[in-house]
Amino acid sequence: MNNFLKIVAIAAILAVVASGPALRADAASSGVQYDQLVKLIMSSQSAPQAGTFESDWQTSMNAIQTANAQPQHHGLFGNIMNSLNQAKNAMSIFQTGAPSTEYYWNGWQRSDDPSSQTATITKPQQHQVIYLDLKNKTYRIEDTSVHPITETPPPYERPQGPSGAPPPSPQPGTAKVKITASSTSLGSKVVGGQQADGYRYEFKIASTQATGSCTNGTFQTAMTVWDSRLAEPKLASVAGPQVHRAPVAPNPELGSFKMGCKPTVTARTHLGPTPPADRLAMWELVALNMGAQTSQGSASGGFQTMIERGNVKTLGPGDASLFEIPAGFTKATPSPSSSP
């Protein structure tokens, strides 16, 4: 999937769920390791700039060290104080960025979370996901061949009303929709220690002449990305039965419209250069803005998500032990409340 299609896909997903940090990059088969920060930035904050990974990473690590050094209190009031400290630490990570270290080799992936002192190793060929508790030196293994991941969503169930009866069907409606996508080259510079090429993408859906359950309004998203010259890593594919996929809608960009609304695309415009595909991004900033016209007036909202990467290293066969259970780790004992 090239980067232009990525922004269209991200726009469609954000329009539906309007939540969460930016999606993580595809996992890798080309031996590589890097540190990563994910931030959620509100619209009231100033837009961040690429090229500050080293200081941002150190700030995040300092915040985690401060949180881990806090003493644990006991008793009723101690538990309250511990909860307040946890909330404060979570807000600190929210502001400084959620850190992780990503490792990819031989079609495997490992992700270390320093804030929780855990690691997750994914081995598709072996149908294994290994969870490591780095603090307590324990592990557990999930067999994905027993509980395979499916991409077919469960059937939709309409919510029930107060009386237990389903609510009335949504009022039908129509709207005229214009979709505009554009891209701009930003040149080249060093980002996260890697030579990178920059691009800015803008994507807009404008709905007009709305009737019924449709509404007039706009959905806009913009993404600035600095792509390295390194290949984007990918998880190994697994031989076996094909995964059943849900059918793809002909216009996924329209997935945010309400049930009953049947918009018609009247124009679709694409302007600007098409960047190279499948590059490891060193820095991504996705800005989301939505505005709608309702009977009470206009409403809008937006936020930004950012991923920045650095400390890139090459991995080879000598690093295979990173994807194994470390020596001295013991199997975790299931809690009494866990399922058999």
Protein backbone atom coordinates (compact mmCIF):
# COMPACT_ATOMS: atom_id res chain seq x y z
CA MET A 1 0.00 0.00 0.00
CA ASN A 2 1.57 3.30 -0.98
CA ASN A 3 1.56 6.27 1.34
CA PHE A 4 -1.19 8.12 -0.50
CA LEU A 5 -3.55 5.17 -0.06
CA LYS A 6 -2.52 5.04 3.59
CA ILE A 7 -3.83 8.53 4.25
CA VAL A 8 -7.12 7.64 2.57
CA ALA A 9 -7.39 4.51 4.72
CA ILE A 10 -6.47 6.40 7.88
CA ALA A 11 -9.07 9.03 7.04
CA ALA A 12 -11.76 6.41 6.60
CA ILE A 13 -10.86 4.64 9.85
CA LEU A 14 -10.68 7.85 11.87
CA ALA A 15 -13.98 9.00 10.44
CA VAL A 16 -15.60 5.84 11.79
CA VAL A 17 -13.96 5.49 15.20
CA ALA A 18 -12.54 9.01 15.77
CA SER A 19 -10.19 7.72 18.44
CA GLY A 20 -6.80 6.32 19.37
CA PRO A 21 -3.25 7.00 18.44
CA ALA A 22 -2.02 6.60 14.96
CA LEU A 23 -1.81 3.07 13.70
CA ARG A 24 1.46 1.27 14.20
CA ALA A 25 3.54 0.56 11.10
CA ASP A 26 3.43 -2.93 9.62
CA ALA A 27 5.74 -5.38 11.33
CA ALA A 28 9.01 -6.35 9.75
CA SER A 29 10.96 -9.16 8.09
CA SER A 30 14.09 -7.13 7.33
CA GLY A 31 16.19 -7.20 10.54
CA VAL A 32 15.73 -3.76 12.08
CA GLN A 33 15.33 -2.25 15.54
CA TYR A 34 14.19 1.24 16.54
CA ASP A 35 12.78 3.23 19.43
CA GLN A 36 9.33 4.76 19.00
CA LEU A 37 7.16 7.41 20.67
CA VAL A 38 3.40 7.79 20.14
CA LYS A 39 1.70 11.01 21.23
CA LEU A 40 -1.83 12.36 21.21
CA ILE A 41 -1.82 16.14 20.74
CA MET A 42 -4.90 18.28 21.25
CA SER A 43 -5.73 21.02 18.76
CA SER A 44 -4.98 23.71 21.34
CA GLN A 45 -1.33 22.64 21.48
CA SER A 46 1.25 23.91 19.04
CA ALA A 47 2.08 21.59 16.15
CA PRO A 48 5.27 19.57 16.79
CA GLN A 49 8.16 19.56 14.34
CA ALA A 50 10.23 16.65 13.08
CA GLY A 51 13.83 16.32 14.21
CA THR A 52 13.57 16.31 18.03
CA PHE A 53 13.45 12.56 18.68
CA GLU A 54 16.56 12.33 20.85
CA SER A 55 15.37 14.92 23.37
CA ASP A 56 11.76 13.67 23.25
CA TRP A 57 12.88 10.09 23.94
CA GLN A 58 15.03 11.16 26.89
CA THR A 59 12.16 13.20 28.34
CA SER A 60 9.88 10.16 28.11
CA MET A 61 12.46 7.87 29.72
CA ASN A 62 12.99 10.36 32.56
CA ALA A 63 9.24 10.46 33.21
CA ILE A 64 9.11 6.66 33.41
CA GLN A 65 12.11 6.49 35.76
CA THR A 66 10.45 9.05 38.02
CA ALA A 67 7.22 7.04 38.05
CA ASN A 68 9.00 3.74 38.78
CA ALA A 69 10.95 5.32 41.65
CA GLN A 70 7.81 6.36 43.52
CA PRO A 71 7.29 4.35 46.73
CA GLN A 72 4.21 2.16 47.11
CA HIS A 73 1.95 3.11 50.04
CA HIS A 74 -0.12 0.70 52.13
CA GLY A 75 -3.47 0.84 53.83
CA LEU A 76 -6.70 2.52 52.73
CA PHE A 77 -5.25 5.99 52.31
CA GLY A 78 -2.11 4.50 50.82
CA ASN A 79 -4.15 2.82 48.09
CA ILE A 80 -5.84 6.13 47.34
CA MET A 81 -2.45 7.81 47.08
CA ASN A 82 -1.17 5.03 44.81
CA SER A 83 -4.18 5.52 42.52
CA LEU A 84 -3.58 9.27 42.37
CA ASN A 85 0.08 8.68 41.52
CA GLN A 86 -0.89 6.22 38.76
CA ALA A 87 -3.26 8.79 37.24
CA LYS A 88 -0.54 11.44 37.44
CA ASN A 89 1.98 9.09 35.78
CA ALA A 90 -0.49 8.22 33.02
CA MET A 91 -1.00 11.94 32.31
CA SER A 92 2.77 12.41 32.21
CA ILE A 93 3.14 9.62 29.62
CA PHE A 94 0.22 11.13 27.69
CA GLN A 95 2.16 14.41 27.48
CA THR A 96 5.65 13.03 26.84
CA GLY A 97 4.60 10.16 24.56
CA ALA A 98 4.13 6.41 24.99
CA PRO A 99 7.54 4.82 24.32
CA SER A 100 8.37 1.40 22.92
CA THR A 101 11.30 -0.39 21.33
CA GLU A 102 10.44 -2.39 18.21
CA TYR A 103 12.47 -5.34 16.88
CA TYR A 104 11.83 -7.16 13.57
CA TRP A 105 13.77 -10.10 12.16
CA ASN A 106 13.03 -13.32 10.28
CA GLY A 107 9.39 -12.32 9.92
CA TRP A 108 9.08 -12.00 13.72
CA GLN A 109 8.22 -8.96 15.81
CA ARG A 110 9.07 -7.96 19.36
CA SER A 111 7.70 -4.86 21.09
CA ASP A 112 9.06 -3.71 24.47
CA ASP A 113 7.01 -1.34 26.65
CA PRO A 114 9.32 0.32 29.21
CA SER A 115 6.41 1.94 31.08
CA SER A 116 4.88 -1.44 31.99
CA GLN A 117 8.17 -3.35 31.81
CA THR A 118 6.68 -5.93 29.46
CA ALA A 119 7.47 -7.31 26.01
CA THR A 120 5.41 -9.08 23.34
CA ILE A 121 6.99 -11.41 20.77
CA THR A 122 4.99 -12.46 17.72
CA LYS A 123 6.05 -15.47 15.62
CA PRO A 124 3.46 -16.09 12.89
CA GLN A 125 5.24 -19.13 11.43
CA GLN A 126 5.20 -20.86 14.82
CA HIS A 127 1.66 -19.66 15.63
CA GLN A 128 2.99 -18.11 18.83
CA VAL A 129 2.61 -14.89 20.76
CA ILE A 130 4.96 -14.76 23.77
CA TYR A 131 4.24 -12.31 26.60
CA LEU A 132 7.18 -11.40 28.84
CA ASP A 133 6.98 -9.75 32.25
CA LEU A 134 10.45 -8.23 32.36
CA LYS A 135 10.10 -7.05 35.95
CA ASN A 136 9.04 -10.36 37.48
CA LYS A 137 10.87 -12.53 34.91
CA THR A 138 7.85 -14.59 33.91
CA TYR A 139 6.32 -15.53 30.57
CA ARG A 140 3.23 -17.00 28.98
CA ILE A 141 2.65 -18.30 25.46
CA GLU A 142 -0.51 -17.98 23.39
CA ASP A 143 -1.06 -20.57 20.64
CA THR A 144 -2.66 -18.63 17.78
CA SER A 145 -3.45 -21.84 15.89
CA VAL A 146 -5.93 -22.69 18.66
CA HIS A 147 -7.42 -19.20 18.79
CA PRO A 148 -6.67 -17.77 15.35
CA ILE A 149 -7.19 -14.10 14.68
CA THR A 150 -10.01 -13.53 12.24
CA GLU A 151 -10.65 -10.45 10.16
CA THR A 152 -14.36 -11.14 9.80
CA PRO A 153 -16.28 -8.85 12.18
CA PRO A 154 -19.18 -10.24 14.23
CA PRO A 155 -22.64 -9.64 12.81
CA TYR A 156 -24.10 -6.26 13.66
CA GLU A 157 -26.73 -6.26 16.39
CA ARG A 158 -29.01 -3.28 16.65
CA PRO A 159 -29.08 -1.70 20.14
CA GLN A 160 -32.16 -2.23 22.25
CA GLY A 161 -34.38 0.60 23.46
CA PRO A 162 -35.50 1.14 27.11
CA SER A 163 -38.44 -1.21 26.61
CA GLY A 164 -36.25 -3.93 25.15
CA ALA A 165 -37.59 -3.34 21.64
CA PRO A 166 -35.21 -2.26 18.89
CA PRO A 167 -35.26 1.48 18.11
CA PRO A 168 -37.02 2.66 14.95
CA SER A 169 -35.11 2.43 11.71
CA PRO A 170 -33.07 5.53 10.88
CA GLN A 171 -34.73 8.04 8.61
CA PRO A 172 -33.51 7.67 5.03
CA GLY A 173 -31.48 10.54 3.64
CA THR A 174 -29.27 11.67 0.81
CA ALA A 175 -26.36 14.08 0.37
CA LYS A 176 -23.91 15.27 -2.25
CA VAL A 177 -20.29 14.52 -1.39
CA LYS A 178 -17.04 15.88 -2.80
CA ILE A 179 -13.74 14.14 -2.00
CA THR A 180 -10.45 15.96 -2.46
CA ALA A 181 -6.99 14.48 -1.82
CA SER A 182 -3.65 16.16 -2.45
CA SER A 183 0.04 15.62 -1.70
CA THR A 184 3.06 17.94 -1.57
CA SER A 185 6.77 17.13 -1.47
CA LEU A 186 8.72 18.68 1.44
CA GLY A 187 12.23 17.77 0.26
CA SER A 188 14.79 15.73 2.19
CA LYS A 189 16.53 16.02 5.56
CA VAL A 190 17.87 13.86 8.40
CA VAL A 191 15.10 12.75 10.80
CA GLY A 192 15.71 10.35 13.67
CA GLY A 193 19.23 9.77 12.44
CA GLN A 194 18.08 8.68 8.96
CA GLN A 195 17.98 10.51 5.63
CA ALA A 196 14.27 11.00 4.97
CA ASP A 197 11.94 12.38 2.30
CA GLY A 198 9.02 14.49 3.47
CA TYR A 199 5.46 14.66 2.17
CA ARG A 200 2.29 16.38 3.30
CA TYR A 201 -1.09 14.87 2.48
CA GLU A 202 -4.50 16.49 2.78
CA PHE A 203 -7.81 14.68 2.55
CA LYS A 204 -11.26 16.31 2.70
CA ILE A 205 -14.85 15.10 2.47
CA ALA A 206 -17.51 17.82 2.10
CA SER A 207 -21.19 16.92 2.43
CA THR A 208 -23.87 19.31 1.12
CA GLN A 209 -27.58 19.29 0.23
CA ALA A 210 -28.25 16.83 3.04
CA THR A 211 -31.71 15.42 3.73
CA GLY A 212 -33.10 13.01 6.32
CA SER A 213 -30.46 11.26 8.42
CA CYS A 214 -27.61 12.84 6.41
CA THR A 215 -25.96 16.04 7.64
CA ASN A 216 -24.02 18.83 5.98
CA GLY A 217 -20.44 19.18 7.12
CA THR A 218 -16.80 18.40 6.45
CA PHE A 219 -14.25 15.83 7.52
CA GLN A 220 -10.62 16.79 7.02
CA THR A 221 -7.39 15.05 7.84
CA ALA A 222 -3.83 16.01 7.03
CA MET A 223 -0.69 13.94 7.44
CA THR A 224 2.92 15.03 7.38
CA VAL A 225 5.36 12.15 7.02
CA TRP A 226 9.13 11.81 6.75
CA ASP A 227 9.96 8.47 5.15
CA SER A 228 13.41 6.92 5.53
CA ARG A 229 15.23 5.12 2.72
CA LEU A 230 14.73 1.86 4.69
CA ALA A 231 12.14 -0.69 3.62
CA GLU A 232 8.99 -0.80 5.72
CA PRO A 233 9.15 -4.08 7.70
CA LYS A 234 6.47 -6.77 7.39
CA LEU A 235 5.41 -9.78 9.45
CA ALA A 236 5.86 -13.16 7.84
CA SER A 237 2.81 -14.61 6.15
CA VAL A 238 1.54 -17.96 7.40
CA ALA A 239 0.70 -20.84 5.09
CA GLY A 240 -2.70 -22.40 5.57
CA PRO A 241 -6.37 -21.65 5.02
CA GLN A 242 -7.10 -18.17 3.75
CA VAL A 243 -8.39 -15.72 6.35
CA HIS A 244 -11.98 -14.74 5.62
CA ARG A 245 -12.13 -11.01 5.12
CA ALA A 246 -15.13 -8.76 5.36
CA PRO A 247 -16.17 -7.38 1.96
CA VAL A 248 -14.68 -3.96 1.26
CA ALA A 249 -17.20 -1.19 0.70
CA PRO A 250 -16.94 0.51 -2.71
CA ASN A 251 -16.37 3.89 -0.99
CA PRO A 252 -14.79 3.29 2.45
CA GLU A 253 -14.35 7.06 2.87
CA LEU A 254 -18.13 7.28 3.37
CA GLY A 255 -18.15 4.92 6.35
CA SER A 256 -18.69 7.78 8.84
CA PHE A 257 -22.17 8.65 7.56
CA LYS A 258 -25.13 7.66 9.72
CA MET A 259 -27.22 4.57 9.08
CA GLY A 260 -29.93 5.31 6.56
CA CYS A 261 -27.88 8.02 4.88
CA LYS A 262 -27.00 7.23 1.28
CA PRO A 263 -24.58 9.89 0.00
CA THR A 264 -23.61 10.26 -3.64
CA VAL A 265 -20.01 11.11 -4.61
CA THR A 266 -20.24 13.91 -7.17
CA ALA A 267 -16.51 14.66 -7.49
CA ARG A 268 -13.22 13.00 -6.57
CA THR A 269 -9.98 14.93 -7.05
CA HIS A 270 -6.35 13.83 -6.53
CA LEU A 271 -3.55 16.35 -6.88
CA GLY A 272 0.20 16.18 -6.31
CA PRO A 273 3.07 13.68 -6.52
CA THR A 274 2.84 9.99 -5.64
CA PRO A 275 5.61 9.16 -3.14
CA PRO A 276 7.53 5.86 -3.08
CA ALA A 277 5.75 3.00 -1.35
CA ASP A 278 6.71 0.83 1.64
CA ARG A 279 9.25 3.08 3.35
CA LEU A 280 9.79 3.04 7.12
CA ALA A 281 8.46 6.39 8.37
CA MET A 282 10.67 8.15 10.90
CA TRP A 283 8.03 10.76 11.75
CA GLU A 284 4.28 10.96 11.15
CA LEU A 285 1.78 13.58 12.23
CA VAL A 286 -1.92 13.00 11.51
CA ALA A 287 -4.32 15.90 12.18
CA LEU A 288 -8.06 15.22 12.29
CA ASN A 289 -10.75 17.88 12.10
CA MET A 290 -14.49 17.32 11.82
CA GLY A 291 -17.27 19.86 11.48
CA ALA A 292 -20.98 19.24 11.07
CA GLN A 293 -24.07 21.38 10.61
CA THR A 294 -26.93 20.32 12.89
CA SER A 295 -30.27 21.74 13.90
CA GLN A 296 -28.52 23.30 16.92
CA GLY A 297 -25.81 24.90 14.79
CA SER A 298 -22.28 23.84 13.89
CA ALA A 299 -20.07 21.48 15.84
CA SER A 300 -16.39 20.70 15.36
CA GLY A 301 -13.54 18.91 17.00
CA GLY A 302 -10.05 17.71 16.26
CA PHE A 303 -6.79 16.32 17.54
CA GLN A 304 -3.41 15.18 16.26
CA THR A 305 -1.55 11.92 16.64
CA MET A 306 2.19 11.65 16.19
CA ILE A 307 4.65 8.79 15.78
CA GLU A 308 8.38 9.52 15.87
CA ARG A 309 11.20 7.01 15.61
CA GLY A 310 14.95 6.92 16.07
CA ASN A 311 17.97 4.91 17.30
CA VAL A 312 17.70 2.62 14.28
CA LYS A 313 19.91 -0.49 14.31
CA THR A 314 20.33 -3.43 11.95
CA LEU A 315 19.53 -6.92 13.28
CA GLY A 316 20.92 -10.23 12.05
CA PRO A 317 21.10 -13.93 13.01
CA GLY A 318 23.18 -13.05 16.05
CA ASP A 319 20.14 -11.23 17.48
CA ALA A 320 17.81 -14.24 17.33
CA SER A 321 17.85 -14.55 21.13
CA LEU A 322 15.83 -11.31 21.34
CA PHE A 323 12.86 -13.33 20.08
CA GLU A 324 13.23 -16.17 22.58
CA ILE A 325 12.23 -16.55 26.24
CA PRO A 326 15.20 -15.20 28.24
CA ALA A 327 17.17 -17.49 30.51
CA GLY A 328 15.93 -17.45 34.10
CA PHE A 329 12.30 -16.66 33.19
CA THR A 330 9.60 -18.94 34.61
CA LYS A 331 6.14 -19.70 33.32
CA ALA A 332 3.51 -17.38 34.79
CA THR A 333 0.99 -18.97 37.14
CA PRO A 334 -2.60 -18.26 36.03
CA SER A 335 -4.65 -16.31 38.55
CA PRO A 336 -7.65 -18.13 40.12
CA SER A 337 -10.03 -15.89 38.14
CA SER A 338 -8.44 -16.61 34.74
CA SER A 339 -10.21 -18.82 32.25
CA PRO A 340 -8.93 -22.40 31.74
